Amino acid sequence: MKSILEALYHGQLHPDETIVPSHPEYRQLGRQIVAMTEQWRNRLGEEEFRELEEFFDLCDMSGGMHVEAAFIHGFRLGANMMIEVMSKREEFVPNATSGLSL
C-alpha cells in the first residue's frame, strides 16, 4: 500500500471524485434535482434547455471553485493547528494587527 505522500506525488489522490456526503437528505435532493431537470426539459424547447444547462454548468463551476477554496483553507487551518500543537506555540492565531493569514 502506498503512502499518502506517494499517492499525492503520483497524482492518485482525487478526493473530489470519491466523496459522497453522508447527510441523510443528500440522495433525496439528487432525485429531486433529476425530476425537476426532466420537468424543465419537457417544458422548454431544445435551445432554451441547452441554455439552462449552460447556466447549471456555470453554477457548478462556481460552486467547485468555492469548495476548492474551502478545502485549501481548511487544510491550511488544520496544518497550522498541528504546527501549534507540536511546537507548543500560540502565536499562529492571526489577528487584525499580525498580518498573518491562514
PDB file of N, CA and C in Angstrom:
ATOM      1  N   MET A   1       0.845  -1.179   0.000  1.00  0.00           N
ATOM      2  CA  MET A   1       0.000   0.000   0.000  1.00  0.00           C
ATOM      3  C   MET A   1       0.888   1.240   0.000  1.00  0.00           C
ATOM      4  N   LYS A   2       0.567   2.175  -0.889  1.00  0.00           N
ATOM      5  CA  LYS A   2       1.345   3.401  -0.980  1.00  0.00           C
ATOM      6  C   LYS A   2       0.996   4.343   0.157  1.00  0.00           C
ATOM      7  N   SER A   3       1.980   5.156   0.508  1.00  0.00           N
ATOM      8  CA  SER A   3       1.721   6.193   1.497  1.00  0.00           C
ATOM      9  C   SER A   3       0.913   7.306   0.847  1.00  0.00           C
ATOM     10  N   ILE A   4       0.341   8.159   1.657  1.00  0.00           N
ATOM     11  CA  ILE A   4      -0.405   9.303   1.149  1.00  0.00           C
ATOM     12  C   ILE A   4       0.513  10.189   0.319  1.00  0.00           C
ATOM     13  N   LEU A   5       1.738  10.384   0.779  1.00  0.00           N
ATOM     14  CA  LEU A   5       2.674  11.231   0.033  1.00  0.00           C
ATOM     15  C   LEU A   5       3.004  10.628  -1.336  1.00  0.00           C
ATOM     16  N   GLU A   6       3.167   9.296  -1.405  1.00  0.00           N
ATOM     17  CA  GLU A   6       3.438   8.654  -2.694  1.00  0.00           C
ATOM     18  C   GLU A   6       2.234   8.808  -3.633  1.00  0.00           C
ATOM     19  N   ALA A   7       1.051   8.600  -3.108  1.00  0.00           N
ATOM     20  CA  ALA A   7      -0.161   8.741  -3.923  1.00  0.00           C
ATOM     21  C   ALA A   7      -0.323  10.186  -4.399  1.00  0.00           C
ATOM     22  N   LEU A   8      -0.020  11.142  -3.526  1.00  0.00           N
ATOM     23  CA  LEU A   8      -0.098  12.549  -3.901  1.00  0.00           C
ATOM     24  C   LEU A   8       0.904  12.851  -5.013  1.00  0.00           C
ATOM     25  N   TYR A   9       2.131  12.370  -4.863  1.00  0.00           N
ATOM     26  CA  TYR A   9       3.178  12.603  -5.852  1.00  0.00           C
ATOM     27  C   TYR A   9       2.786  12.042  -7.223  1.00  0.00           C
ATOM     28  N   HIS A  10       2.182  10.866  -7.232  1.00  0.00           N
ATOM     29  CA  HIS A  10       1.828  10.199  -8.479  1.00  0.00           C
ATOM     30  C   HIS A  10       0.468  10.632  -9.018  1.00  0.00           C
ATOM     31  N   GLY A  11      -0.145  11.644  -8.395  1.00  0.00           N
ATOM     32  CA  GLY A  11      -1.425  12.157  -8.885  1.00  0.00           C
ATOM     33  C   GLY A  11      -2.574  11.191  -8.717  1.00  0.00           C
ATOM     34  N   GLN A  12      -2.504  10.360  -7.682  1.00  0.00           N
ATOM     35  CA  GLN A  12      -3.528   9.342  -7.487  1.00  0.00           C
ATOM     36  C   GLN A  12      -4.576   9.723  -6.440  1.00  0.00           C
ATOM     37  N   LEU A  13      -4.477  10.900  -5.884  1.00  0.00           N
ATOM     38  CA  LEU A  13      -5.475  11.341  -4.915  1.00  0.00           C
ATOM     39  C   LEU A  13      -6.500  12.211  -5.635  1.00  0.00           C
ATOM     40  N   HIS A  14      -7.750  11.821  -5.559  1.00  0.00           N
ATOM     41  CA  HIS A  14      -8.837  12.558  -6.200  1.00  0.00           C
ATOM     42  C   HIS A  14     -10.038  12.601  -5.242  1.00  0.00           C
ATOM     43  N   PRO A  15      -9.901  13.313  -4.114  1.00  0.00           N
ATOM     44  CA  PRO A  15     -10.998  13.301  -3.141  1.00  0.00           C
ATOM     45  C   PRO A  15     -12.296  13.854  -3.689  1.00  0.00           C
ATOM     46  N   ASP A  16     -12.218  14.784  -4.631  1.00  0.00           N
ATOM     47  CA  ASP A  16     -13.439  15.352  -5.195  1.00  0.00           C
ATOM     48  C   ASP A  16     -14.236  14.323  -5.990  1.00  0.00           C
ATOM     49  N   GLU A  17     -13.599  13.240  -6.406  1.00  0.00           N
ATOM     50  CA  GLU A  17     -14.274  12.206  -7.174  1.00  0.00           C
ATOM     51  C   GLU A  17     -14.806  11.076  -6.299  1.00  0.00           C
ATOM     52  N   THR A  18     -14.371  11.015  -5.055  1.00  0.00           N
ATOM     53  CA  THR A  18     -14.755   9.883  -4.210  1.00  0.00           C
ATOM     54  C   THR A  18     -15.611  10.267  -3.012  1.00  0.00           C
ATOM     55  N   ILE A  19     -15.744  11.549  -2.750  1.00  0.00           N
ATOM     56  CA  ILE A  19     -16.508  11.987  -1.583  1.00  0.00           C
ATOM     57  C   ILE A  19     -17.997  11.938  -1.894  1.00  0.00           C
ATOM     58  N   VAL A  20     -18.736  11.271  -1.030  1.00  0.00           N
ATOM     59  CA  VAL A  20     -20.192  11.259  -1.108  1.00  0.00           C
ATOM     60  C   VAL A  20     -20.703  11.755   0.234  1.00  0.00           C
ATOM     61  N   PRO A  21     -21.422  12.882   0.237  1.00  0.00           N
ATOM     62  CA  PRO A  21     -21.918  13.410   1.511  1.00  0.00           C
ATOM     63  C   PRO A  21     -22.748  12.363   2.265  1.00  0.00           C
ATOM     64  N   SER A  22     -22.608  12.348   3.572  1.00  0.00           N
ATOM     65  CA  SER A  22     -23.351  11.389   4.392  1.00  0.00           C
ATOM     66  C   SER A  22     -24.629  11.980   4.960  1.00  0.00           C
ATOM     67  N   HIS A  23     -24.933  13.210   4.591  1.00  0.00           N
ATOM     68  CA  HIS A  23     -26.156  13.849   5.078  1.00  0.00           C
ATOM     69  C   HIS A  23     -27.352  13.011   4.636  1.00  0.00           C
ATOM     70  N   PRO A  24     -28.292  12.748   5.532  1.00  0.00           N
ATOM     71  CA  PRO A  24     -29.416  11.871   5.191  1.00  0.00           C
ATOM     72  C   PRO A  24     -30.282  12.374   4.035  1.00  0.00           C
ATOM     73  N   GLU A  25     -30.282  13.655   3.774  1.00  0.00           N
ATOM     74  CA  GLU A  25     -31.128  14.199   2.708  1.00  0.00           C
ATOM     75  C   GLU A  25     -30.412  14.293   1.355  1.00  0.00           C
ATOM     76  N   TYR A  26     -29.142  13.932   1.294  1.00  0.00           N
ATOM     77  CA  TYR A  26     -28.360  14.121   0.074  1.00  0.00           C
ATOM     78  C   TYR A  26     -28.946  13.372  -1.127  1.00  0.00           C
ATOM     79  N   ARG A  27     -29.212  12.098  -0.974  1.00  0.00           N
ATOM     80  CA  ARG A  27     -29.724  11.301  -2.103  1.00  0.00           C
ATOM     81  C   ARG A  27     -31.121  11.755  -2.524  1.00  0.00           C
ATOM     82  N   GLN A  28     -31.947  12.129  -1.567  1.00  0.00           N
ATOM     83  CA  GLN A  28     -33.279  12.629  -1.890  1.00  0.00           C
ATOM     84  C   GLN A  28     -33.187  13.921  -2.701  1.00  0.00           C
ATOM     85  N   LEU A  29     -32.278  14.799  -2.324  1.00  0.00           N
ATOM     86  CA  LEU A  29     -32.079  16.030  -3.088  1.00  0.00           C
ATOM     87  C   LEU A  29     -31.635  15.725  -4.522  1.00  0.00           C
ATOM     88  N   GLY A  30     -30.776  14.746  -4.666  1.00  0.00           N
ATOM     89  CA  GLY A  30     -30.331  14.336  -6.002  1.00  0.00           C
ATOM     90  C   GLY A  30     -31.497  13.865  -6.853  1.00  0.00           C
ATOM     91  N   ARG A  31     -32.392  13.084  -6.260  1.00  0.00           N
ATOM     92  CA  ARG A  31     -33.567  12.612  -7.001  1.00  0.00           C
ATOM     93  C   ARG A  31     -34.482  13.781  -7.383  1.00  0.00           C
ATOM     94  N   GLN A  32     -34.616  14.748  -6.470  1.00  0.00           N
ATOM     95  CA  GLN A  32     -35.435  15.929  -6.772  1.00  0.00           C
ATOM     96  C   GLN A  32     -34.829  16.737  -7.915  1.00  0.00           C
ATOM     97  N   ILE A  33     -33.523  16.870  -7.926  1.00  0.00           N
ATOM     98  CA  ILE A  33     -32.847  17.605  -8.995  1.00  0.00           C
ATOM     99  C   ILE A  33     -33.084  16.926 -10.340  1.00  0.00           C
ATOM    100  N   VAL A  34     -32.964  15.609 -10.374  1.00  0.00           N
ATOM    101  CA  VAL A  34     -33.195  14.874 -11.620  1.00  0.00           C
ATOM    102  C   VAL A  34     -34.633  15.061 -12.085  1.00  0.00           C
ATOM    103  N   ALA A  35     -35.591  14.957 -11.181  1.00  0.00           N
ATOM    104  CA  ALA A  35     -37.004  15.108 -11.542  1.00  0.00           C
ATOM    105  C   ALA A  35     -37.298  16.510 -12.070  1.00  0.00           C
ATOM    106  N   MET A  36     -36.768  17.520 -11.395  1.00  0.00           N
ATOM    107  CA  MET A  36     -37.014  18.894 -11.845  1.00  0.00           C
ATOM    108  C   MET A  36     -36.329  19.178 -13.176  1.00  0.00           C
ATOM    109  N   THR A  37     -35.159  18.612 -13.387  1.00  0.00           N
ATOM    110  CA  THR A  37     -34.467  18.780 -14.665  1.00  0.00           C
ATOM    111  C   THR A  37     -35.301  18.200 -15.794  1.00  0.00           C
ATOM    112  N   GLU A  38     -35.886  17.047 -15.569  1.00  0.00           N
ATOM    113  CA  GLU A  38     -36.751  16.441 -16.586  1.00  0.00           C
ATOM    114  C   GLU A  38     -37.976  17.300 -16.845  1.00  0.00           C
ATOM    115  N   GLN A  39     -38.545  17.887 -15.787  1.00  0.00           N
ATOM    116  CA  GLN A  39     -39.699  18.775 -15.971  1.00  0.00           C
ATOM    117  C   GLN A  39     -39.320  19.967 -16.850  1.00  0.00           C
ATOM    118  N   TRP A  40     -38.162  20.565 -16.584  1.00  0.00           N
ATOM    119  CA  TRP A  40     -37.712  21.703 -17.390  1.00  0.00           C
ATOM    120  C   TRP A  40     -37.415  21.271 -18.819  1.00  0.00           C
ATOM    121  N   ARG A  41     -36.862  20.092 -18.990  1.00  0.00           N
ATOM    122  CA  ARG A  41     -36.573  19.586 -20.342  1.00  0.00           C
ATOM    123  C   ARG A  41     -37.876  19.473 -21.140  1.00  0.00           C
ATOM    124  N   ASN A  42     -38.931  19.013 -20.495  1.00  0.00           N
ATOM    125  CA  ASN A  42     -40.216  18.847 -21.171  1.00  0.00           C
ATOM    126  C   ASN A  42     -40.922  20.179 -21.429  1.00  0.00           C
ATOM    127  N   ARG A  43     -40.688  21.173 -20.576  1.00  0.00           N
ATOM    128  CA  ARG A  43     -41.348  22.479 -20.722  1.00  0.00           C
ATOM    129  C   ARG A  43     -40.685  23.376 -21.763  1.00  0.00           C
ATOM    130  N   LEU A  44     -39.380  23.303 -21.825  1.00  0.00           N
ATOM    131  CA  LEU A  44     -38.624  24.226 -22.670  1.00  0.00           C
ATOM    132  C   LEU A  44     -38.323  23.601 -24.025  1.00  0.00           C
ATOM    133  N   GLY A  45     -38.064  24.471 -24.979  1.00  0.00           N
ATOM    134  CA  GLY A  45     -37.579  23.995 -26.266  1.00  0.00           C
ATOM    135  C   GLY A  45     -36.131  23.542 -26.134  1.00  0.00           C
ATOM    136  N   GLU A  46     -35.645  22.918 -27.179  1.00  0.00           N
ATOM    137  CA  GLU A  46     -34.281  22.369 -27.147  1.00  0.00           C
ATOM    138  C   GLU A  46     -33.244  23.456 -26.883  1.00  0.00           C
ATOM    139  N   GLU A  47     -33.345  24.585 -27.557  1.00  0.00           N
ATOM    140  CA  GLU A  47     -32.367  25.669 -27.402  1.00  0.00           C
ATOM    141  C   GLU A  47     -32.428  26.270 -26.005  1.00  0.00           C
ATOM    142  N   GLU A  48     -33.636  26.511 -25.488  1.00  0.00           N
ATOM    143  CA  GLU A  48     -33.776  27.093 -24.142  1.00  0.00           C
ATOM    144  C   GLU A  48     -33.234  26.140 -23.079  1.00  0.00           C
ATOM    145  N   PHE A  49     -33.496  24.843 -23.267  1.00  0.00           N
ATOM    146  CA  PHE A  49     -32.988  23.880 -22.284  1.00  0.00           C
ATOM    147  C   PHE A  49     -31.470  23.802 -22.328  1.00  0.00           C
ATOM    148  N   ARG A  50     -30.884  23.904 -23.523  1.00  0.00           N
ATOM    149  CA  ARG A  50     -29.419  23.913 -23.645  1.00  0.00           C
ATOM    150  C   ARG A  50     -28.846  25.116 -22.912  1.00  0.00           C
ATOM    151  N   GLU A  51     -29.504  26.274 -23.021  1.00  0.00           N
ATOM    152  CA  GLU A  51     -29.056  27.466 -22.302  1.00  0.00           C
ATOM    153  C   GLU A  51     -29.174  27.275 -20.792  1.00  0.00           C
ATOM    154  N   LEU A  52     -30.234  26.621 -20.355  1.00  0.00           N
ATOM    155  CA  LEU A  52     -30.394  26.331 -18.930  1.00  0.00           C
ATOM    156  C   LEU A  52     -29.279  25.407 -18.443  1.00  0.00           C
ATOM    157  N   GLU A  53     -28.949  24.411 -19.242  1.00  0.00           N
ATOM    158  CA  GLU A  53     -27.847  23.513 -18.876  1.00  0.00           C
ATOM    159  C   GLU A  53     -26.523  24.261 -18.796  1.00  0.00           C
ATOM    160  N   GLU A  54     -26.299  25.212 -19.700  1.00  0.00           N
ATOM    161  CA  GLU A  54     -25.087  26.029 -19.643  1.00  0.00           C
ATOM    162  C   GLU A  54     -25.048  26.844 -18.354  1.00  0.00           C
ATOM    163  N   PHE A  55     -26.202  27.361 -17.955  1.00  0.00           N
ATOM    164  CA  PHE A  55     -26.302  28.093 -16.685  1.00  0.00           C
ATOM    165  C   PHE A  55     -25.951  27.173 -15.517  1.00  0.00           C
ATOM    166  N   PHE A  56     -26.507  25.955 -15.521  1.00  0.00           N
ATOM    167  CA  PHE A  56     -26.183  24.993 -14.461  1.00  0.00           C
ATOM    168  C   PHE A  56     -24.687  24.686 -14.435  1.00  0.00           C
ATOM    169  N   ASP A  57     -24.085  24.564 -15.613  1.00  0.00           N
ATOM    170  CA  ASP A  57     -22.649  24.295 -15.689  1.00  0.00           C
ATOM    171  C   ASP A  57     -21.845  25.432 -15.055  1.00  0.00           C
ATOM    172  N   LEU A  58     -22.255  26.676 -15.327  1.00  0.00           N
ATOM    173  CA  LEU A  58     -21.573  27.822 -14.725  1.00  0.00           C
ATOM    174  C   LEU A  58     -21.726  27.807 -13.200  1.00  0.00           C
ATOM    175  N   CYS A  59     -22.924  27.482 -12.729  1.00  0.00           N
ATOM    176  CA  CYS A  59     -23.152  27.391 -11.280  1.00  0.00           C
ATOM    177  C   CYS A  59     -22.275  26.298 -10.666  1.00  0.00           C
ATOM    178  N   ASP A  60     -22.166  25.154 -11.350  1.00  0.00           N
ATOM    179  CA  ASP A  60     -21.317  24.069 -10.863  1.00  0.00           C
ATOM    180  C   ASP A  60     -19.855  24.489 -10.812  1.00  0.00           C
ATOM    181  N   MET A  61     -19.399  25.211 -11.832  1.00  0.00           N
ATOM    182  CA  MET A  61     -18.008  25.673 -11.846  1.00  0.00           C
ATOM    183  C   MET A  61     -17.753  26.629 -10.686  1.00  0.00           C
ATOM    184  N   SER A  62     -18.675  27.551 -10.464  1.00  0.00           N
ATOM    185  CA  SER A  62     -18.535  28.494  -9.358  1.00  0.00           C
ATOM    186  C   SER A  62     -18.534  27.767  -8.024  1.00  0.00           C
ATOM    187  N   GLY A  63     -19.457  26.840  -7.858  1.00  0.00           N
ATOM    188  CA  GLY A  63     -19.512  26.064  -6.619  1.00  0.00           C
ATOM    189  C   GLY A  63     -18.252  25.246  -6.403  1.00  0.00           C
ATOM    190  N   GLY A  64     -17.731  24.681  -7.485  1.00  0.00           N
ATOM    191  CA  GLY A  64     -16.494  23.904  -7.388  1.00  0.00           C
ATOM    192  C   GLY A  64     -15.318  24.756  -6.943  1.00  0.00           C
ATOM    193  N   MET A  65     -15.267  25.984  -7.438  1.00  0.00           N
ATOM    194  CA  MET A  65     -14.194  26.894  -7.020  1.00  0.00           C
ATOM    195  C   MET A  65     -14.313  27.230  -5.537  1.00  0.00           C
ATOM    196  N   HIS A  66     -15.544  27.396  -5.075  1.00  0.00           N
ATOM    197  CA  HIS A  66     -15.753  27.676  -3.656  1.00  0.00           C
ATOM    198  C   HIS A  66     -15.346  26.471  -2.802  1.00  0.00           C
ATOM    199  N   VAL A  67     -15.718  25.282  -3.228  1.00  0.00           N
ATOM    200  CA  VAL A  67     -15.355  24.074  -2.489  1.00  0.00           C
ATOM    201  C   VAL A  67     -13.842  23.907  -2.451  1.00  0.00           C
ATOM    202  N   GLU A  68     -13.176  24.181  -3.569  1.00  0.00           N
ATOM    203  CA  GLU A  68     -11.717  24.097  -3.616  1.00  0.00           C
ATOM    204  C   GLU A  68     -11.089  25.079  -2.630  1.00  0.00           C
ATOM    205  N   ALA A  69     -11.577  26.313  -2.626  1.00  0.00           N
ATOM    206  CA  ALA A  69     -11.037  27.318  -1.712  1.00  0.00           C
ATOM    207  C   ALA A  69     -11.289  26.917  -0.254  1.00  0.00           C
ATOM    208  N   ALA A  70     -12.457  26.360   0.025  1.00  0.00           N
ATOM    209  CA  ALA A  70     -12.773  25.922   1.390  1.00  0.00           C
ATOM    210  C   ALA A  70     -11.867  24.765   1.810  1.00  0.00           C
ATOM    211  N   PHE A  71     -11.604  23.839   0.884  1.00  0.00           N
ATOM    212  CA  PHE A  71     -10.706  22.724   1.174  1.00  0.00           C
ATOM    213  C   PHE A  71      -9.303  23.229   1.505  1.00  0.00           C
ATOM    214  N   ILE A  72      -8.786  24.134   0.676  1.00  0.00           N
ATOM    215  CA  ILE A  72      -7.443  24.668   0.888  1.00  0.00           C
ATOM    216  C   ILE A  72      -7.372  25.408   2.222  1.00  0.00           C
ATOM    217  N   HIS A  73      -8.374  26.236   2.490  1.00  0.00           N
ATOM    218  CA  HIS A  73      -8.398  26.969   3.757  1.00  0.00           C
ATOM    219  C   HIS A  73      -8.442  26.006   4.943  1.00  0.00           C
ATOM    220  N   GLY A  74      -9.303  24.998   4.863  1.00  0.00           N
ATOM    221  CA  GLY A  74      -9.407  24.022   5.947  1.00  0.00           C
ATOM    222  C   GLY A  74      -8.123  23.233   6.136  1.00  0.00           C
ATOM    223  N   PHE A  75      -7.480  22.864   5.034  1.00  0.00           N
ATOM    224  CA  PHE A  75      -6.217  22.126   5.126  1.00  0.00           C
ATOM    225  C   PHE A  75      -5.156  22.984   5.794  1.00  0.00           C
ATOM    226  N   ARG A  76      -5.068  24.243   5.372  1.00  0.00           N
ATOM    227  CA  ARG A  76      -4.082  25.141   5.987  1.00  0.00           C
ATOM    228  C   ARG A  76      -4.368  25.346   7.472  1.00  0.00           C
ATOM    229  N   LEU A  77      -5.636  25.519   7.800  1.00  0.00           N
ATOM    230  CA  LEU A  77      -6.005  25.683   9.196  1.00  0.00           C
ATOM    231  C   LEU A  77      -5.596  24.454  10.004  1.00  0.00           C
ATOM    232  N   GLY A  78      -5.891  23.264   9.477  1.00  0.00           N
ATOM    233  CA  GLY A  78      -5.502  22.031  10.162  1.00  0.00           C
ATOM    234  C   GLY A  78      -3.995  21.896  10.303  1.00  0.00           C
ATOM    235  N   ALA A  79      -3.250  22.233   9.251  1.00  0.00           N
ATOM    236  CA  ALA A  79      -1.788  22.165   9.306  1.00  0.00           C
ATOM    237  C   ALA A  79      -1.250  23.148  10.340  1.00  0.00           C
ATOM    238  N   ASN A  80      -1.807  24.361  10.362  1.00  0.00           N
ATOM    239  CA  ASN A  80      -1.365  25.339  11.356  1.00  0.00           C
ATOM    240  C   ASN A  80      -1.700  24.880  12.779  1.00  0.00           C
ATOM    241  N   MET A  81      -2.828  24.213  12.935  1.00  0.00           N
ATOM    242  CA  MET A  81      -3.163  23.672  14.264  1.00  0.00           C
ATOM    243  C   MET A  81      -2.145  22.619  14.678  1.00  0.00           C
ATOM    244  N   MET A  82      -1.742  21.750  13.734  1.00  0.00           N
ATOM    245  CA  MET A  82      -0.742  20.725  14.053  1.00  0.00           C
ATOM    246  C   MET A  82       0.601  21.360  14.406  1.00  0.00           C
ATOM    247  N   ILE A  83       0.992  22.397  13.662  1.00  0.00           N
ATOM    248  CA  ILE A  83       2.244  23.095  13.975  1.00  0.00           C
ATOM    249  C   ILE A  83       2.173  23.668  15.378  1.00  0.00           C
ATOM    250  N   GLU A  84       1.050  24.285  15.702  1.00  0.00           N
ATOM    251  CA  GLU A  84       0.895  24.874  17.032  1.00  0.00           C
ATOM    252  C   GLU A  84       0.955  23.801  18.114  1.00  0.00           C
ATOM    253  N   VAL A  85       0.295  22.693  17.894  1.00  0.00           N
ATOM    254  CA  VAL A  85       0.284  21.615  18.887  1.00  0.00           C
ATOM    255  C   VAL A  85       1.684  21.025  19.056  1.00  0.00           C
ATOM    256  N   MET A  86       2.342  20.773  17.931  1.00  0.00           N
ATOM    257  CA  MET A  86       3.654  20.131  18.000  1.00  0.00           C
ATOM    258  C   MET A  86       4.729  21.067  18.539  1.00  0.00           C
ATOM    259  N   SER A  87       4.597  22.362  18.301  1.00  0.00           N
ATOM    260  CA  SER A  87       5.627  23.292  18.746  1.00  0.00           C
ATOM    261  C   SER A  87       5.290  23.933  20.086  1.00  0.00           C
ATOM    262  N   LYS A  88       4.088  23.688  20.570  1.00  0.00           N
ATOM    263  CA  LYS A  88       3.621  24.260  21.834  1.00  0.00           C
ATOM    264  C   LYS A  88       3.701  25.784  21.803  1.00  0.00           C
ATOM    265  N   ARG A  89       3.467  26.345  20.606  1.00  0.00           N
ATOM    266  CA  ARG A  89       3.468  27.791  20.444  1.00  0.00           C
ATOM    267  C   ARG A  89       2.042  28.248  20.181  1.00  0.00           C
ATOM    268  N   GLU A  90       1.794  29.507  20.494  1.00  0.00           N
ATOM    269  CA  GLU A  90       0.436  30.002  20.344  1.00  0.00           C
ATOM    270  C   GLU A  90       0.337  31.242  19.465  1.00  0.00           C
ATOM    271  N   GLU A  91       1.432  31.657  18.840  1.00  0.00           N
ATOM    272  CA  GLU A  91       1.363  32.902  18.069  1.00  0.00           C
ATOM    273  C   GLU A  91       0.904  32.701  16.630  1.00  0.00           C
ATOM    274  N   PHE A  92       0.386  31.536  16.279  1.00  0.00           N
ATOM    275  CA  PHE A  92      -0.075  31.293  14.923  1.00  0.00           C
ATOM    276  C   PHE A  92      -1.498  31.779  14.680  1.00  0.00           C
ATOM    277  N   VAL A  93      -2.206  32.139  15.712  1.00  0.00           N
ATOM    278  CA  VAL A  93      -3.568  32.619  15.543  1.00  0.00           C
ATOM    279  C   VAL A  93      -3.512  34.033  14.987  1.00  0.00           C
ATOM    280  N   PRO A  94      -4.053  34.236  13.774  1.00  0.00           N
ATOM    281  CA  PRO A  94      -3.981  35.569  13.183  1.00  0.00           C
ATOM    282  C   PRO A  94      -4.922  36.541  13.880  1.00  0.00           C
ATOM    283  N   ASN A  95      -4.507  37.770  13.931  1.00  0.00           N
ATOM    284  CA  ASN A  95      -5.392  38.821  14.421  1.00  0.00           C
ATOM    285  C   ASN A  95      -5.241  40.012  13.495  1.00  0.00           C
ATOM    286  N   ALA A  96      -6.023  41.021  13.724  1.00  0.00           N
ATOM    287  CA  ALA A  96      -6.051  42.164  12.808  1.00  0.00           C
ATOM    288  C   ALA A  96      -4.701  42.855  12.680  1.00  0.00           C
ATOM    289  N   THR A  97      -3.871  42.813  13.718  1.00  0.00           N
ATOM    290  CA  THR A  97      -2.614  43.539  13.683  1.00  0.00           C
ATOM    291  C   THR A  97      -1.430  42.679  13.248  1.00  0.00           C
ATOM    292  N   SER A  98      -1.578  41.346  13.266  1.00  0.00           N
ATOM    293  CA  SER A  98      -0.437  40.488  12.960  1.00  0.00           C
ATOM    294  C   SER A  98      -0.129  40.418  11.476  1.00  0.00           C
ATOM    295  N   GLY A  99      -1.157  40.573  10.638  1.00  0.00           N
ATOM    296  CA  GLY A  99      -0.949  40.477   9.199  1.00  0.00           C
ATOM    297  C   GLY A  99      -0.842  39.042   8.717  1.00  0.00           C
ATOM    298  N   LEU A 100      -0.942  38.061   9.612  1.00  0.00           N
ATOM    299  CA  LEU A 100      -0.893  36.670   9.216  1.00  0.00           C
ATOM    300  C   LEU A 100      -2.227  36.253   8.640  1.00  0.00           C
ATOM    301  N   SER A 101      -2.193  35.365   7.659  1.00  0.00           N
ATOM    302  CA  SER A 101      -3.435  34.795   7.133  1.00  0.00           C
ATOM    303  C   SER A 101      -3.285  33.300   7.036  1.00  0.00           C
ATOM    304  N   LEU A 102      -4.392  32.641   7.174  1.00  0.00           N
ATOM    305  CA  LEU A 102      -4.388  31.184   7.023  1.00  0.00           C
ATOM    306  C   LEU A 102      -4.607  30.898   5.565  1.00  0.00           C
TER     307      LEU A 102
END
